[in-house]
Amino acid sequence: MPSNKDLEDYVKKKNLNLNSIIFNGGEEYEFVFTVPIKYRKNIIKNAKLTKTPIIEIGYVTSGKGVFLKNVNKNIIIKDLGWKHFK
């Protein structure tokens, strides 16, 4: 998962979990979105045209849950985010 070196240093210094901070820390100032695979080339082309950097971080499959692939295992990402409509 992409992260900033300063963030990595901070969580190490404070003995925090980097994945927990990344996925549940809040204050996202970047768009996170899901796009059907058939539009992938269009998204990449338009991102280049508009000079909008994008980072592909995963894909959607059938089933339940969100997982982070880590070398030899999948790590379950708990949904600890803000519930906008609750």
Protein backbone atom coordinates (compact mmCIF):
# COMPACT_ATOMS: atom_id res chain seq x y z
CA MET A 1 0.00 0.00 0.00
CA PRO A 2 1.47 3.38 -0.95
CA SER A 3 2.37 5.57 2.01
CA ASN A 4 4.41 8.61 2.80
CA LYS A 5 7.86 8.19 4.41
CA ASP A 6 6.96 10.76 7.08
CA LEU A 7 3.87 8.74 7.99
CA GLU A 8 5.93 5.55 8.18
CA ASP A 9 8.43 7.24 10.49
CA TYR A 10 5.64 8.66 12.66
CA VAL A 11 3.83 5.35 13.18
CA LYS A 12 7.12 3.64 13.97
CA LYS A 13 8.01 6.32 16.53
CA LYS A 14 4.54 6.18 18.15
CA ASN A 15 4.34 2.36 17.92
CA LEU A 16 1.16 2.47 15.81
CA ASN A 17 -0.11 0.15 13.08
CA LEU A 18 0.59 1.61 9.63
CA ASN A 19 -2.30 -0.23 7.92
CA SER A 20 -4.74 0.92 10.59
CA ILE A 21 -3.67 4.54 10.12
CA ILE A 22 -3.83 4.29 6.31
CA PHE A 23 -7.25 2.65 6.16
CA ASN A 24 -8.95 4.25 9.17
CA GLY A 25 -7.03 7.42 9.98
CA GLY A 26 -9.42 9.74 8.16
CA GLU A 27 -8.60 13.04 6.55
CA GLU A 28 -8.39 11.66 3.03
CA TYR A 29 -7.72 14.39 0.54
CA GLU A 30 -7.53 12.07 -2.42
CA PHE A 31 -10.36 10.44 -4.33
CA VAL A 32 -10.75 6.72 -3.86
CA PHE A 33 -12.91 5.09 -6.50
CA THR A 34 -13.80 1.80 -8.14
CA VAL A 35 -14.10 1.42 -11.90
CA PRO A 36 -15.18 -1.58 -13.98
CA ILE A 37 -12.12 -3.14 -15.64
CA LYS A 38 -13.52 -2.32 -19.11
CA TYR A 39 -12.90 1.41 -18.37
CA ARG A 40 -9.34 0.98 -17.04
CA LYS A 41 -7.61 2.14 -20.25
CA ASN A 42 -9.92 5.17 -20.49
CA ILE A 43 -9.21 6.17 -16.90
CA ILE A 44 -5.45 5.89 -17.40
CA LYS A 45 -5.59 7.85 -20.69
CA ASN A 46 -7.69 10.66 -19.16
CA ALA A 47 -5.54 10.80 -16.04
CA LYS A 48 -2.49 11.37 -18.24
CA LEU A 49 -4.29 14.00 -20.33
CA THR A 50 -5.34 15.94 -17.23
CA LYS A 51 -2.03 15.30 -15.43
CA THR A 52 -3.95 13.64 -12.60
CA PRO A 53 -1.81 11.05 -10.84
CA ILE A 54 -3.62 7.83 -10.01
CA ILE A 55 -2.43 4.76 -8.13
CA GLU A 56 -4.13 1.42 -8.65
CA ILE A 57 -4.34 -0.23 -5.24
CA GLY A 58 -6.59 -3.20 -5.76
CA TYR A 59 -9.51 -4.87 -7.42
CA VAL A 60 -13.03 -6.04 -6.60
CA THR A 61 -14.07 -9.68 -6.47
CA SER A 62 -17.22 -11.45 -5.34
CA GLY A 63 -17.56 -12.19 -1.65
CA LYS A 64 -17.50 -10.18 1.54
CA GLY A 65 -14.82 -8.15 3.22
CA VAL A 66 -11.80 -6.07 2.34
CA PHE A 67 -8.40 -7.70 2.38
CA LEU A 68 -4.84 -6.50 1.99
CA LYS A 69 -2.60 -8.99 0.20
CA ASN A 70 0.66 -9.24 2.08
CA VAL A 71 3.34 -11.57 0.68
CA ASN A 72 1.91 -14.98 1.73
CA LYS A 73 -1.38 -14.05 3.39
CA ASN A 74 -4.47 -11.85 3.23
CA ILE A 75 -4.95 -9.40 6.08
CA ILE A 76 -8.57 -8.53 6.92
CA ILE A 77 -9.20 -4.78 6.93
CA LYS A 78 -11.86 -3.96 9.51
CA ASP A 79 -14.45 -1.37 8.58
CA LEU A 80 -13.74 1.32 11.18
CA GLY A 81 -14.56 4.24 8.92
CA TRP A 82 -17.09 7.00 9.31
CA LYS A 83 -20.72 6.03 8.69
CA HIS A 84 -22.07 9.02 6.78
CA PHE A 85 -25.72 8.02 6.80
CA LYS A 86 -26.01 6.54 10.28
